[in-house]
Amino acid sequence: MLLCYIKAEFSKENLFVTNVRVYICIKLKKYTKA
């Protein structure tokens, strides 16, 4: 999950996009883990 946030840091110019990317990343990690 930490990696998701690190990746999202690169799109600080758009907070909304960053939040969406983190959300999707976390969701994908959950599905991958399950």
PDB file of N, CA and C in Angstrom:
ATOM      1  N   MET A   1       0.842  -1.208   0.000  1.00  0.00           N
ATOM      2  CA  MET A   1       0.000   0.000   0.000  1.00  0.00           C
ATOM      3  C   MET A   1       0.873   1.252   0.000  1.00  0.00           C
ATOM      4  N   LEU A   2       2.020   1.171   0.634  1.00  0.00           N
ATOM      5  CA  LEU A   2       2.929   2.309   0.671  1.00  0.00           C
ATOM      6  C   LEU A   2       3.384   2.676  -0.735  1.00  0.00           C
ATOM      7  N   LEU A   3       3.613   1.659  -1.562  1.00  0.00           N
ATOM      8  CA  LEU A   3       4.047   1.892  -2.934  1.00  0.00           C
ATOM      9  C   LEU A   3       3.010   2.692  -3.712  1.00  0.00           C
ATOM     10  N   CYS A   4       1.738   2.458  -3.422  1.00  0.00           N
ATOM     11  CA  CYS A   4       0.658   3.195  -4.082  1.00  0.00           C
ATOM     12  C   CYS A   4       0.799   4.690  -3.815  1.00  0.00           C
ATOM     13  N   TYR A   5       1.069   5.031  -2.576  1.00  0.00           N
ATOM     14  CA  TYR A   5       1.207   6.434  -2.202  1.00  0.00           C
ATOM     15  C   TYR A   5       2.457   7.051  -2.815  1.00  0.00           C
ATOM     16  N   ILE A   6       3.543   6.278  -2.845  1.00  0.00           N
ATOM     17  CA  ILE A   6       4.792   6.763  -3.434  1.00  0.00           C
ATOM     18  C   ILE A   6       4.577   7.060  -4.921  1.00  0.00           C
ATOM     19  N   LYS A   7       3.899   6.174  -5.611  1.00  0.00           N
ATOM     20  CA  LYS A   7       3.624   6.375  -7.039  1.00  0.00           C
ATOM     21  C   LYS A   7       2.744   7.604  -7.245  1.00  0.00           C
ATOM     22  N   ALA A   8       1.749   7.765  -6.381  1.00  0.00           N
ATOM     23  CA  ALA A   8       0.801   8.868  -6.505  1.00  0.00           C
ATOM     24  C   ALA A   8       1.459  10.225  -6.271  1.00  0.00           C
ATOM     25  N   GLU A   9       2.548  10.247  -5.512  1.00  0.00           N
ATOM     26  CA  GLU A   9       3.240  11.500  -5.219  1.00  0.00           C
ATOM     27  C   GLU A   9       3.681  12.219  -6.481  1.00  0.00           C
ATOM     28  N   PHE A  10       3.866  11.472  -7.564  1.00  0.00           N
ATOM     29  CA  PHE A  10       4.337  12.064  -8.809  1.00  0.00           C
ATOM     30  C   PHE A  10       3.270  12.915  -9.507  1.00  0.00           C
ATOM     31  N   SER A  11       2.018  12.796  -9.087  1.00  0.00           N
ATOM     32  CA  SER A  11       0.962  13.601  -9.714  1.00  0.00           C
ATOM     33  C   SER A  11       0.376  14.584  -8.704  1.00  0.00           C
ATOM     34  N   LYS A  12       1.257  15.257  -7.975  1.00  0.00           N
ATOM     35  CA  LYS A  12       0.833  16.219  -6.954  1.00  0.00           C
ATOM     36  C   LYS A  12       0.112  17.418  -7.576  1.00  0.00           C
ATOM     37  N   GLU A  13       0.339  17.678  -8.860  1.00  0.00           N
ATOM     38  CA  GLU A  13      -0.293  18.823  -9.512  1.00  0.00           C
ATOM     39  C   GLU A  13      -1.809  18.670  -9.557  1.00  0.00           C
ATOM     40  N   ASN A  14      -2.282  17.449  -9.418  1.00  0.00           N
ATOM     41  CA  ASN A  14      -3.717  17.217  -9.446  1.00  0.00           C
ATOM     42  C   ASN A  14      -4.096  16.284  -8.305  1.00  0.00           C
ATOM     43  N   LEU A  15      -4.538  16.860  -7.201  1.00  0.00           N
ATOM     44  CA  LEU A  15      -4.864  16.089  -6.007  1.00  0.00           C
ATOM     45  C   LEU A  15      -5.957  15.061  -6.269  1.00  0.00           C
ATOM     46  N   PHE A  16      -6.936  15.417  -7.086  1.00  0.00           N
ATOM     47  CA  PHE A  16      -8.025  14.489  -7.393  1.00  0.00           C
ATOM     48  C   PHE A  16      -7.498  13.246  -8.100  1.00  0.00           C
ATOM     49  N   VAL A  17      -6.656  13.457  -9.100  1.00  0.00           N
ATOM     50  CA  VAL A  17      -6.075  12.337  -9.846  1.00  0.00           C
ATOM     51  C   VAL A  17      -5.239  11.469  -8.910  1.00  0.00           C
ATOM     52  N   THR A  18      -4.517  12.122  -8.019  1.00  0.00           N
ATOM     53  CA  THR A  18      -3.687  11.389  -7.061  1.00  0.00           C
ATOM     54  C   THR A  18      -4.563  10.492  -6.189  1.00  0.00           C
ATOM     55  N   ASN A  19      -5.634  11.044  -5.664  1.00  0.00           N
ATOM     56  CA  ASN A  19      -6.541  10.271  -4.805  1.00  0.00           C
ATOM     57  C   ASN A  19      -7.151   9.097  -5.558  1.00  0.00           C
ATOM     58  N   VAL A  20      -7.536   9.335  -6.808  1.00  0.00           N
ATOM     59  CA  VAL A  20      -8.126   8.268  -7.622  1.00  0.00           C
ATOM     60  C   VAL A  20      -7.106   7.161  -7.870  1.00  0.00           C
ATOM     61  N   ARG A  21      -5.879   7.562  -8.169  1.00  0.00           N
ATOM     62  CA  ARG A  21      -4.835   6.562  -8.437  1.00  0.00           C
ATOM     63  C   ARG A  21      -4.552   5.713  -7.207  1.00  0.00           C
ATOM     64  N   VAL A  22      -4.482   6.370  -6.055  1.00  0.00           N
ATOM     65  CA  VAL A  22      -4.237   5.642  -4.799  1.00  0.00           C
ATOM     66  C   VAL A  22      -5.392   4.684  -4.531  1.00  0.00           C
ATOM     67  N   TYR A  23      -6.627   5.154  -4.739  1.00  0.00           N
ATOM     68  CA  TYR A  23      -7.810   4.329  -4.504  1.00  0.00           C
ATOM     69  C   TYR A  23      -7.807   3.091  -5.397  1.00  0.00           C
ATOM     70  N   ILE A  24      -7.548   3.300  -6.682  1.00  0.00           N
ATOM     71  CA  ILE A  24      -7.512   2.194  -7.643  1.00  0.00           C
ATOM     72  C   ILE A  24      -6.384   1.229  -7.297  1.00  0.00           C
ATOM     73  N   CYS A  25      -5.232   1.793  -6.943  1.00  0.00           N
ATOM     74  CA  CYS A  25      -4.073   0.954  -6.612  1.00  0.00           C
ATOM     75  C   CYS A  25      -4.389   0.067  -5.416  1.00  0.00           C
ATOM     76  N   ILE A  26      -4.989   0.649  -4.391  1.00  0.00           N
ATOM     77  CA  ILE A  26      -5.345  -0.120  -3.191  1.00  0.00           C
ATOM     78  C   ILE A  26      -6.356  -1.208  -3.540  1.00  0.00           C
ATOM     79  N   LYS A  27      -7.328  -0.866  -4.378  1.00  0.00           N
ATOM     80  CA  LYS A  27      -8.341  -1.837  -4.789  1.00  0.00           C
ATOM     81  C   LYS A  27      -7.695  -2.993  -5.543  1.00  0.00           C
ATOM     82  N   LEU A  28      -6.786  -2.683  -6.452  1.00  0.00           N
ATOM     83  CA  LEU A  28      -6.113  -3.717  -7.234  1.00  0.00           C
ATOM     84  C   LEU A  28      -5.276  -4.611  -6.326  1.00  0.00           C
ATOM     85  N   LYS A  29      -4.620  -4.003  -5.337  1.00  0.00           N
ATOM     86  CA  LYS A  29      -3.802  -4.776  -4.405  1.00  0.00           C
ATOM     87  C   LYS A  29      -4.682  -5.756  -3.631  1.00  0.00           C
ATOM     88  N   LYS A  30      -5.862  -5.300  -3.224  1.00  0.00           N
ATOM     89  CA  LYS A  30      -6.779  -6.158  -2.467  1.00  0.00           C
ATOM     90  C   LYS A  30      -7.211  -7.355  -3.317  1.00  0.00           C
ATOM     91  N   TYR A  31      -7.565  -7.096  -4.581  1.00  0.00           N
ATOM     92  CA  TYR A  31      -8.001  -8.174  -5.469  1.00  0.00           C
ATOM     93  C   TYR A  31      -6.839  -9.124  -5.772  1.00  0.00           C
ATOM     94  N   THR A  32      -5.647  -8.571  -5.917  1.00  0.00           N
ATOM     95  CA  THR A  32      -4.481  -9.394  -6.214  1.00  0.00           C
ATOM     96  C   THR A  32      -4.144 -10.291  -5.029  1.00  0.00           C
ATOM     97  N   LYS A  33      -4.298  -9.728  -3.834  1.00  0.00           N
ATOM     98  CA  LYS A  33      -3.973 -10.483  -2.614  1.00  0.00           C
ATOM     99  C   LYS A  33      -4.993 -11.597  -2.383  1.00  0.00           C
ATOM    100  N   ALA A  34      -6.249 -11.342  -2.728  1.00  0.00           N
ATOM    101  CA  ALA A  34      -7.329 -12.296  -2.493  1.00  0.00           C
ATOM    102  C   ALA A  34      -7.386 -13.383  -3.556  1.00  0.00           C
TER     103      ALA A  34
END
